[in-house]
Amino acid sequence: MENKRKRNTRKTLIITGVIIVLVSLALWVYSRSTGKNEKVELFTEVRQGQFEVLVNVTGELQAESSVQIMAPPELRSRNLRFGQIKIQDLIPEGTVVDSGDYVALLDRSEADNSLKDVMDALEKDQSAYEKTKLDTTMELRNLRDELINLRYNMEESKITLEQSVYEPPATIRQAQINLDKAQRAFAQAKKNYVLKVRQAEADMREAEINLAKQQRKHDEMLNVISKFEIHAPASGMVIYYKEWGGQKRKVGSMISPWDLTVATLPDLSSMISKTYVNEIDISKVKPGQKVRIGVDAFPDKKYTGLVTEVANIGEQLPNTDAKVFEVTIKIDGTDPILRPAMTTSNQIITDTYDSVMFIPLEAVQVQDSITYVYKKNGVKQVVVLGTENENEIIVEKGLKEGEKIYLNLPENAEKFKLEGKELIPVIKEKERKKEAEEERLKKQAEENASRRKMMRQTRGGFQGQGVKRPVRSK
């Protein structure tokens, strides 16, 4: 039984190997036979109609306006001097909340430490206030006792003088001197008492001010800490706040007193697409241009919009070398399915030409700056070209609507008859004008840069000499 099983297994392996060899041989024969086919030739027709110049960019949906969910604004107080504070808890992004609902919790560790320091300072100021109060009370009491004693001395001196009427002149003179001294001492002590009272009042006011200041700081600290639990200021969908670097604030993120936004409640009834256009295409983009918009999450949905803002200054995105310019696109109408942070594909229509002829870019051949196409009838036709978009280019001269042309380089291209030589000077002239315009723009940019440099140097010279710049008369 065991031998029979081994023979069946060997037979199966042999049959499988034979099948593999036959399939491989068939595939080799097929590939050899198809390799002998002639090159496939592709054709297209010259079309006439509306031609659009598009700039295709990817964007991200945002709400045009939103309500900020903020940390307590008291964190900016000069008295408290908070540093960065960590977000300890934050509800999931996309949660729909009502006004007053819980949203986030800030870490109280630093605030609690600061509160302990404030409480210690408050106790110290309370002790200082009590000490000042006791010291001034005791000092003024001693001064009052001294005034009473000096008054008694003055009265005794006066009595002594009255009793010395029948005494020798020297004794009377001595009694008079003693009375004068007692009167002066009393008057001086009385003045000192008034000054001491004023000084005591000033010391008490200072102690009261310090105590009240520390008490306000303590109360303010308690008030801020009580607001570390953050609630929604309005109804809406919570969207995490995106920082300048593109990172979203979430649990563990830090907020500073000068940027207190924790999250946002976007107005979903008015949406925009924020996008970035490279420096090559930005000159084509202007406010007011129409845009066709698609949302990657909903391929079947199509929207329209308008360019509303184009940045004047470029910026460099992280991990890229190219300079880009921020462009804002306002989406027409409303759609409840649209959400912030969705990716959009935007076609900005920068220019439109009516009733022009155009062909695919693949059909255009270039030799020594002369552009031409291969026609199906065996003609190598020189063409004058105009504006292009990503896929097609306008034909100004050389072709007619409906003519069939090659999309690729045909076989035996050298045998095609060249026509349209009279258009070569036109192409050369266009090329010359284009180079002249580029040179003019380059020269103008250099002049502007030189003018700005001179103005900076002049401004620096005036400032260095301490001279005011001359004011242009109106």
Protein backbone atom coordinates (compact mmCIF):
# COMPACT_ATOMS: atom_id res chain seq x y z
CA MET A 1 0.00 0.00 0.00
CA GLU A 2 2.82 2.35 0.85
CA ASN A 3 4.62 1.62 -2.47
CA LYS A 4 1.44 2.34 -4.43
CA ARG A 5 1.12 5.73 -2.72
CA LYS A 6 4.74 6.61 -3.60
CA ARG A 7 4.22 5.64 -7.26
CA ASN A 8 1.10 7.89 -7.49
CA THR A 9 2.99 10.83 -5.96
CA ARG A 10 5.90 10.40 -8.44
CA LYS A 11 3.43 10.22 -11.34
CA THR A 12 1.72 13.44 -10.23
CA LEU A 13 5.05 15.30 -10.00
CA ILE A 14 6.07 14.18 -13.52
CA ILE A 15 2.75 15.35 -15.01
CA THR A 16 3.02 18.74 -13.26
CA GLY A 17 6.55 19.25 -14.57
CA VAL A 18 5.49 18.43 -18.14
CA ILE A 19 2.64 20.97 -17.94
CA ILE A 20 4.99 23.71 -16.69
CA VAL A 21 7.42 23.04 -19.55
CA LEU A 22 4.64 23.17 -22.16
CA VAL A 23 3.22 26.45 -20.76
CA SER A 24 6.66 28.06 -20.71
CA LEU A 25 7.31 26.97 -24.31
CA ALA A 26 3.95 28.38 -25.42
CA LEU A 27 4.65 31.74 -23.74
CA TRP A 28 8.10 31.92 -25.40
CA VAL A 29 6.65 31.23 -28.85
CA TYR A 30 3.93 33.87 -28.29
CA SER A 31 6.43 36.51 -27.19
CA ARG A 32 8.62 35.79 -30.22
CA SER A 33 5.71 36.12 -32.58
CA THR A 34 4.34 39.36 -31.05
CA GLY A 35 7.80 40.92 -31.01
CA LYS A 36 7.81 40.87 -34.79
CA ASN A 37 4.74 43.19 -34.99
CA GLU A 38 5.24 46.66 -36.35
CA LYS A 39 5.28 49.71 -34.08
CA VAL A 40 1.80 50.83 -33.05
CA GLU A 41 0.98 54.26 -34.47
CA LEU A 42 -1.34 56.59 -32.56
CA PHE A 43 -3.29 59.43 -34.13
CA THR A 44 -5.37 62.37 -32.95
CA GLU A 45 -7.38 65.14 -34.59
CA VAL A 46 -6.90 68.89 -34.46
CA ARG A 47 -9.76 70.15 -32.33
CA GLN A 48 -11.39 73.55 -32.26
CA GLY A 49 -13.39 75.02 -29.40
CA GLN A 50 -12.95 76.50 -25.95
CA PHE A 51 -9.47 76.17 -24.47
CA GLU A 52 -8.81 76.55 -20.76
CA VAL A 53 -5.51 77.25 -19.04
CA LEU A 54 -5.63 75.53 -15.67
CA VAL A 55 -3.50 75.43 -12.56
CA ASN A 56 -4.12 72.16 -10.70
CA VAL A 57 -3.37 72.20 -7.00
CA THR A 58 -4.32 70.22 -3.93
CA GLY A 59 -5.93 72.01 -1.01
CA GLU A 60 -7.43 71.46 2.40
CA LEU A 61 -10.92 72.43 3.49
CA GLN A 62 -11.28 74.96 6.28
CA ALA A 63 -14.15 76.97 7.68
CA GLU A 64 -14.07 80.57 6.53
CA SER A 65 -14.81 81.65 10.09
CA SER A 66 -14.83 79.85 13.42
CA VAL A 67 -15.27 80.40 17.13
CA GLN A 68 -12.10 79.89 19.14
CA ILE A 69 -12.22 77.68 22.24
CA MET A 70 -9.76 79.50 24.46
CA ALA A 71 -7.88 78.85 27.65
CA PRO A 72 -8.56 81.46 30.40
CA PRO A 73 -7.40 84.90 29.21
CA GLU A 74 -6.28 85.58 32.79
CA LEU A 75 -3.21 83.46 31.97
CA ARG A 76 -1.86 86.60 30.30
CA SER A 77 -1.92 88.53 33.58
CA ARG A 78 1.36 90.22 34.44
CA ASN A 79 0.85 89.32 38.08
CA LEU A 80 0.72 85.57 37.46
CA ARG A 81 3.46 85.14 34.85
CA PHE A 82 2.45 81.69 33.60
CA GLY A 83 4.70 79.78 31.22
CA GLN A 84 3.55 77.09 28.81
CA ILE A 85 0.73 74.86 30.03
CA LYS A 86 0.05 71.31 28.88
CA ILE A 87 -3.33 70.11 27.64
CA GLN A 88 -4.14 67.24 29.99
CA ASP A 89 -7.40 66.11 28.40
CA LEU A 90 -9.28 66.93 25.18
CA ILE A 91 -12.46 65.43 23.73
CA PRO A 92 -12.12 63.64 20.36
CA GLU A 93 -11.98 65.77 17.24
CA GLY A 94 -15.31 65.90 15.42
CA THR A 95 -17.40 65.77 18.59
CA VAL A 96 -20.56 67.87 18.35
CA VAL A 97 -21.05 69.96 21.49
CA ASP A 98 -23.58 72.43 22.85
CA SER A 99 -22.70 75.72 24.46
CA GLY A 100 -21.27 75.06 27.93
CA ASP A 101 -20.29 71.45 27.28
CA TYR A 102 -16.95 70.16 28.57
CA VAL A 103 -14.12 70.32 25.99
CA ALA A 104 -10.71 70.17 27.63
CA LEU A 105 -8.72 70.19 30.87
CA LEU A 106 -5.41 71.96 31.40
CA ASP A 107 -2.63 70.54 33.57
CA ARG A 108 -2.67 72.21 37.00
CA SER A 109 0.80 71.11 38.15
CA GLU A 110 2.57 74.41 37.43
CA ALA A 111 -0.42 76.44 38.60
CA ASP A 112 -0.59 74.55 41.91
CA ASN A 113 3.10 75.19 42.52
CA SER A 114 2.61 78.87 41.74
CA LEU A 115 -0.41 78.96 44.05
CA LYS A 116 1.69 77.58 46.93
CA ASP A 117 4.28 80.31 46.36
CA VAL A 118 1.53 82.95 46.29
CA MET A 119 0.01 81.60 49.53
CA ASP A 120 3.42 81.70 51.24
CA ALA A 121 3.93 85.29 50.08
CA LEU A 122 0.42 86.19 51.29
CA GLU A 123 1.14 84.83 54.77
CA LYS A 124 4.41 86.76 54.85
CA ASP A 125 2.65 90.00 53.92
CA GLN A 126 -0.07 89.37 56.51
CA SER A 127 2.62 88.92 59.18
CA ALA A 128 4.40 92.07 57.99
CA TYR A 129 1.13 93.98 58.20
CA GLU A 130 0.44 92.82 61.73
CA LYS A 131 4.01 93.58 62.81
CA THR A 132 3.85 97.08 61.34
CA LYS A 133 0.53 97.66 63.06
CA LEU A 134 1.91 96.58 66.46
CA ASP A 135 5.18 98.49 66.04
CA THR A 136 3.46 101.74 65.17
CA THR A 137 0.96 101.30 68.01
CA MET A 138 3.72 100.79 70.60
CA GLU A 139 5.89 103.59 69.23
CA LEU A 140 3.05 106.11 69.23
CA ARG A 141 2.03 105.06 72.75
CA ASN A 142 5.58 105.72 73.98
CA LEU A 143 5.61 109.09 72.27
CA ARG A 144 2.30 110.04 73.89
CA ASP A 145 3.67 109.05 77.31
CA GLU A 146 6.77 111.15 76.63
CA LEU A 147 4.59 114.14 75.70
CA ILE A 148 2.69 113.82 78.95
CA ASN A 149 5.93 113.68 80.96
CA LEU A 150 7.32 116.71 79.11
CA ARG A 151 4.12 118.64 79.80
CA TYR A 152 4.50 117.83 83.50
CA ASN A 153 8.12 118.99 83.39
CA MET A 154 7.06 122.22 81.73
CA GLU A 155 4.40 122.85 84.38
CA GLU A 156 6.85 122.10 87.20
CA SER A 157 9.36 124.53 85.70
CA LYS A 158 6.65 127.16 85.49
CA ILE A 159 5.68 126.66 89.15
CA THR A 160 9.31 126.86 90.21
CA LEU A 161 9.70 130.17 88.36
CA GLU A 162 6.61 131.60 90.04
CA GLN A 163 7.88 130.58 93.47
CA SER A 164 11.29 132.20 92.90
CA VAL A 165 9.96 135.75 92.77
CA TYR A 166 11.61 136.65 96.08
CA GLU A 167 14.77 134.68 95.34
CA PRO A 168 18.05 136.22 94.20
CA PRO A 169 18.17 137.26 90.51
CA ALA A 170 20.48 134.38 89.66
CA THR A 171 17.98 131.87 91.02
CA ILE A 172 15.14 133.53 89.10
CA ARG A 173 17.24 133.50 85.92
CA GLN A 174 18.00 129.80 86.35
CA ALA A 175 14.30 129.02 86.87
CA GLN A 176 13.48 130.97 83.71
CA ILE A 177 16.07 129.03 81.72
CA ASN A 178 14.69 125.72 82.96
CA LEU A 179 11.18 126.74 81.94
CA ASP A 180 12.35 127.72 78.45
CA LYS A 181 14.10 124.37 78.05
CA ALA A 182 10.99 122.49 79.18
CA GLN A 183 8.79 124.46 76.78
CA ARG A 184 11.15 123.85 73.85
CA ALA A 185 11.39 120.11 74.64
CA PHE A 186 7.61 119.83 74.78
CA ALA A 187 7.15 121.74 71.52
CA GLN A 188 9.82 119.64 69.77
CA ALA A 189 8.32 116.39 71.07
CA LYS A 190 4.88 117.51 69.89
CA LYS A 191 6.20 118.16 66.36
CA ASN A 192 8.04 114.81 66.39
CA TYR A 193 4.81 113.10 67.40
CA VAL A 194 2.96 114.58 64.43
CA LEU A 195 5.74 113.41 62.09
CA LYS A 196 5.77 109.97 63.69
CA VAL A 197 2.02 109.70 63.20
CA ARG A 198 2.41 110.52 59.50
CA GLN A 199 5.27 108.03 59.20
CA ALA A 200 3.19 105.36 60.92
CA GLU A 201 0.28 106.06 58.61
CA ALA A 202 2.62 105.74 55.58
CA ASP A 203 4.04 102.45 56.89
CA MET A 204 0.54 101.12 57.47
CA ARG A 205 -0.58 102.17 53.99
CA GLU A 206 2.44 100.43 52.44
CA ALA A 207 1.77 97.27 54.44
CA GLU A 208 -1.92 97.41 53.48
CA ILE A 209 -1.05 97.88 49.79
CA ASN A 210 1.37 94.96 49.79
CA LEU A 211 -1.14 92.78 51.56
CA ALA A 212 -3.99 93.78 49.24
CA LYS A 213 -1.78 93.23 46.18
CA GLN A 214 -0.84 89.76 47.36
CA GLN A 215 -4.46 89.02 48.24
CA ARG A 216 -5.58 90.02 44.73
CA LYS A 217 -2.86 87.82 43.24
CA HIS A 218 -4.06 84.93 45.40
CA ASP A 219 -7.68 85.46 44.41
CA GLU A 220 -6.72 85.82 40.73
CA MET A 221 -4.74 82.60 40.90
CA LEU A 222 -7.68 80.72 42.40
CA ASN A 223 -9.96 82.19 39.73
CA VAL A 224 -7.64 81.07 36.90
CA ILE A 225 -7.26 77.57 38.28
CA SER A 226 -11.02 77.25 38.52
CA LYS A 227 -11.16 77.90 34.75
CA PHE A 228 -8.67 75.19 33.78
CA GLU A 229 -11.66 73.05 32.89
CA ILE A 230 -12.61 74.51 29.51
CA HIS A 231 -16.15 74.53 28.13
CA ALA A 232 -17.53 75.29 24.68
CA PRO A 233 -18.48 78.97 24.17
CA ALA A 234 -21.03 77.99 21.49
CA SER A 235 -22.57 74.99 19.76
CA GLY A 236 -20.76 73.22 16.94
CA MET A 237 -18.28 70.54 15.95
CA VAL A 238 -14.93 70.55 17.75
CA ILE A 239 -11.96 70.74 15.38
CA TYR A 240 -8.41 70.62 16.72
CA TYR A 241 -6.47 73.86 16.34
CA LYS A 242 -3.64 73.75 13.81
CA GLU A 243 -0.45 75.50 14.87
CA TRP A 244 1.82 77.49 12.58
CA GLY A 245 4.01 74.47 11.85
CA GLY A 246 0.99 72.44 10.71
CA GLN A 247 0.74 70.26 13.84
CA LYS A 248 -2.64 69.94 15.52
CA ARG A 249 -2.99 70.65 19.22
CA LYS A 250 -4.03 67.55 21.11
CA VAL A 251 -3.52 65.91 24.49
CA GLY A 252 0.05 66.65 25.58
CA SER A 253 0.41 69.78 23.43
CA MET A 254 1.55 73.00 25.08
CA ILE A 255 -0.20 76.36 24.97
CA SER A 256 1.39 79.69 25.83
CA PRO A 257 -0.22 82.81 27.35
CA TRP A 258 0.12 84.50 23.95
CA ASP A 259 -1.64 81.73 21.99
CA LEU A 260 -4.47 80.42 24.13
CA THR A 261 -6.50 78.61 21.45
CA VAL A 262 -7.20 75.01 22.45
CA ALA A 263 -9.64 74.05 19.65
CA THR A 264 -12.13 75.65 17.27
CA LEU A 265 -15.82 75.51 16.44
CA PRO A 266 -15.91 76.14 12.67
CA ASP A 267 -18.87 77.63 10.83
CA LEU A 268 -19.56 74.80 8.37
CA SER A 269 -21.99 76.90 6.34
CA SER A 270 -19.12 78.78 4.67
CA MET A 271 -16.06 76.77 3.60
CA ILE A 272 -12.77 77.64 1.93
CA SER A 273 -9.95 75.59 0.47
CA LYS A 274 -6.44 76.61 1.53
CA THR A 275 -3.88 75.65 -1.08
CA TYR A 276 -0.32 76.47 -2.12
CA VAL A 277 0.72 77.34 -5.67
CA ASN A 278 4.36 77.02 -6.76
CA GLU A 279 6.34 80.08 -7.79
CA ILE A 280 6.24 79.06 -11.47
CA ASP A 281 2.43 79.24 -11.71
CA ILE A 282 1.62 81.95 -9.15
CA SER A 283 1.85 84.73 -11.75
CA LYS A 284 -1.17 83.19 -13.50
CA VAL A 285 -3.39 83.16 -10.39
CA LYS A 286 -5.49 86.23 -9.58
CA PRO A 287 -8.38 86.95 -7.19
CA GLY A 288 -11.76 86.44 -8.83
CA GLN A 289 -10.76 83.50 -11.02
CA LYS A 290 -13.19 80.59 -11.14
CA VAL A 291 -12.23 77.22 -9.70
CA ARG A 292 -13.55 73.70 -10.19
CA ILE A 293 -13.29 71.76 -6.94
CA GLY A 294 -13.39 68.07 -6.15
CA VAL A 295 -13.29 66.46 -2.70
CA ASP A 296 -11.21 63.29 -2.49
CA ALA A 297 -13.57 61.75 0.07
CA PHE A 298 -16.54 62.12 -2.31
CA PRO A 299 -15.33 61.58 -5.92
CA ASP A 300 -18.84 61.95 -7.34
CA LYS A 301 -19.33 65.40 -5.80
CA LYS A 302 -18.27 68.48 -7.76
CA TYR A 303 -18.18 72.06 -6.53
CA THR A 304 -17.27 75.50 -7.84
CA GLY A 305 -15.56 78.43 -6.20
CA LEU A 306 -13.59 81.65 -6.61
CA VAL A 307 -10.04 82.67 -5.76
CA THR A 308 -10.40 85.27 -2.99
CA GLU A 309 -6.82 85.81 -1.77
CA VAL A 310 -3.34 85.35 -3.24
CA ALA A 311 -0.32 85.83 -0.95
CA ASN A 312 2.22 88.45 -1.99
CA ILE A 313 5.10 86.75 -0.20
CA GLY A 314 6.16 83.15 -0.76
CA GLU A 315 7.11 80.67 1.90
CA GLN A 316 8.96 77.38 2.11
CA LEU A 317 6.94 74.42 3.25
CA PRO A 318 8.56 71.90 5.63
CA ASN A 319 10.67 69.20 3.95
CA THR A 320 10.57 70.96 0.55
CA ASP A 321 12.94 73.23 -1.37
CA ALA A 322 10.40 74.97 -3.62
CA LYS A 323 8.84 78.31 -2.72
CA VAL A 324 5.05 78.37 -2.67
CA PHE A 325 2.36 81.02 -2.27
CA GLU A 326 -0.79 80.56 -0.21
CA VAL A 327 -4.04 80.86 -2.17
CA THR A 328 -7.52 80.96 -0.62
CA ILE A 329 -10.50 79.61 -2.58
CA LYS A 330 -14.08 80.34 -1.44
CA ILE A 331 -16.45 77.44 -2.16
CA ASP A 332 -19.83 78.38 -3.60
CA GLY A 333 -22.92 77.32 -1.66
CA THR A 334 -23.06 74.94 1.28
CA ASP A 335 -23.01 71.17 1.74
CA PRO A 336 -23.37 69.53 5.17
CA ILE A 337 -21.09 66.64 4.20
CA LEU A 338 -18.06 68.94 3.88
CA ARG A 339 -15.74 68.88 6.88
CA PRO A 340 -12.55 70.75 7.78
CA ALA A 341 -9.25 69.04 6.88
CA MET A 342 -10.76 67.16 3.89
CA THR A 343 -8.43 67.12 0.87
CA THR A 344 -9.59 68.94 -2.26
CA SER A 345 -8.40 68.87 -5.86
CA ASN A 346 -8.67 72.38 -7.29
CA GLN A 347 -8.60 73.41 -10.95
CA ILE A 348 -8.02 77.16 -11.09
CA ILE A 349 -9.15 78.50 -14.49
CA THR A 350 -6.54 81.18 -15.10
CA ASP A 351 -7.49 81.94 -18.72
CA THR A 352 -10.09 80.91 -21.33
CA TYR A 353 -9.88 81.12 -25.13
CA ASP A 354 -12.98 80.77 -27.27
CA SER A 355 -12.99 79.02 -30.66
CA VAL A 356 -9.29 78.21 -30.98
CA MET A 357 -7.54 75.16 -32.42
CA PHE A 358 -5.48 72.97 -30.10
CA ILE A 359 -3.64 69.65 -30.06
CA PRO A 360 -2.10 67.37 -27.39
CA LEU A 361 1.38 68.32 -26.22
CA GLU A 362 2.61 64.80 -27.10
CA ALA A 363 2.05 65.53 -30.79
CA VAL A 364 4.48 68.48 -30.86
CA GLN A 365 8.05 67.85 -32.01
CA VAL A 366 10.88 70.39 -31.66
CA GLN A 367 14.07 70.69 -33.67
CA ASP A 368 16.38 73.71 -33.43
CA SER A 369 13.59 75.68 -31.67
CA ILE A 370 11.26 75.04 -34.65
CA THR A 371 7.99 73.34 -33.71
CA TYR A 372 6.21 70.94 -36.06
CA VAL A 373 3.87 67.96 -36.18
CA TYR A 374 3.61 64.85 -38.37
CA LYS A 375 0.36 64.64 -40.33
CA LYS A 376 -1.20 61.33 -41.34
CA ASN A 377 -0.91 62.25 -45.01
CA GLY A 378 2.90 62.08 -44.84
CA VAL A 379 3.60 65.79 -44.22
CA LYS A 380 5.95 67.21 -41.61
CA GLN A 381 4.10 70.46 -40.85
CA VAL A 382 5.71 73.51 -39.22
CA VAL A 383 3.28 75.04 -36.69
CA VAL A 384 3.10 78.30 -34.74
CA LEU A 385 2.04 77.55 -31.18
CA GLY A 386 0.46 79.68 -28.46
CA THR A 387 -0.60 79.18 -24.86
CA GLU A 388 -0.53 75.72 -23.33
CA ASN A 389 -2.04 73.97 -20.36
CA GLU A 390 -1.03 70.71 -18.71
CA ASN A 391 -2.16 68.50 -21.60
CA GLU A 392 -2.75 70.59 -24.72
CA ILE A 393 -1.47 73.61 -26.60
CA ILE A 394 -3.06 76.19 -28.91
CA VAL A 395 -2.12 76.11 -32.61
CA GLU A 396 -2.08 79.62 -34.06
CA LYS A 397 -0.96 78.73 -37.61
CA GLY A 398 -0.18 75.65 -39.68
CA LEU A 399 -3.14 73.30 -39.06
CA LYS A 400 -6.86 73.09 -39.75
CA GLU A 401 -9.65 71.64 -37.67
CA GLY A 402 -10.13 67.89 -38.11
CA GLU A 403 -6.69 67.13 -39.59
CA LYS A 404 -5.22 63.87 -38.31
CA ILE A 405 -1.74 64.03 -36.79
CA TYR A 406 0.61 61.56 -35.12
CA LEU A 407 0.75 61.44 -31.32
CA ASN A 408 4.18 59.86 -31.45
CA LEU A 409 7.16 59.91 -33.75
CA PRO A 410 6.20 57.86 -36.82
CA GLU A 411 8.38 55.28 -38.52
CA ASN A 412 10.39 56.58 -41.46
CA ALA A 413 9.87 60.13 -40.18
CA GLU A 414 12.73 61.31 -42.38
CA LYS A 415 10.66 60.52 -45.48
CA PHE A 416 7.86 62.95 -44.54
CA LYS A 417 7.59 66.04 -46.73
CA LEU A 418 8.32 69.32 -44.92
CA GLU A 419 5.69 72.06 -45.35
CA GLY A 420 5.11 75.46 -43.75
CA LYS A 421 8.64 76.84 -44.13
CA GLU A 422 7.14 80.32 -44.44
CA LEU A 423 6.10 80.06 -40.77
CA ILE A 424 9.68 79.70 -39.54
CA PRO A 425 10.34 83.49 -39.49
CA VAL A 426 7.12 83.93 -37.50
CA ILE A 427 8.36 81.41 -34.93
CA LYS A 428 11.77 83.10 -34.79
CA GLU A 429 10.13 86.52 -34.27
CA LYS A 430 7.96 85.18 -31.45
CA GLU A 431 11.00 83.65 -29.84
CA ARG A 432 12.88 86.95 -30.15
CA LYS A 433 10.03 88.91 -28.56
CA LYS A 434 9.77 86.36 -25.77
CA GLU A 435 13.49 86.61 -25.01
CA ALA A 436 13.30 90.42 -25.13
CA GLU A 437 10.39 90.43 -22.69
CA GLU A 438 12.21 88.05 -20.34
CA GLU A 439 15.29 90.27 -20.50
CA ARG A 440 13.17 93.36 -19.79
CA LEU A 441 11.56 91.74 -16.77
CA LYS A 442 14.95 90.56 -15.51
CA LYS A 443 16.42 94.04 -15.90
CA GLN A 444 13.42 95.61 -14.18
CA ALA A 445 13.76 93.19 -11.26
CA GLU A 446 17.48 94.06 -10.94
CA GLU A 447 16.69 97.79 -11.01
CA ASN A 448 14.03 97.39 -8.34
CA ALA A 449 16.44 95.40 -6.17
CA SER A 450 19.15 98.05 -6.64
CA ARG A 451 16.69 100.83 -5.79
CA ARG A 452 15.58 99.06 -2.62
CA LYS A 453 19.21 98.52 -1.61
CA MET A 454 20.01 102.20 -2.15
CA MET A 455 17.00 103.25 -0.07
CA ARG A 456 18.10 100.97 2.77
CA GLN A 457 21.64 102.39 2.64
CA THR A 458 20.31 105.96 2.59
CA ARG A 459 18.01 105.25 5.52
CA GLY A 460 20.87 103.67 7.42
CA GLY A 461 23.09 106.71 6.68
CA PHE A 462 20.54 109.12 8.09
CA GLN A 463 20.07 107.01 11.20
CA GLY A 464 23.81 106.56 11.70
CA GLN A 465 24.39 110.33 11.54
CA GLY A 466 21.51 111.06 13.86
CA VAL A 467 19.87 113.12 11.14
CA LYS A 468 16.18 113.00 10.42
CA ARG A 469 15.22 111.94 6.94
CA PRO A 470 13.90 114.79 4.80
CA VAL A 471 10.11 114.96 4.67
CA ARG A 472 8.59 115.21 1.23
CA SER A 473 6.34 118.25 0.98
CA LYS A 474 2.72 117.54 0.21
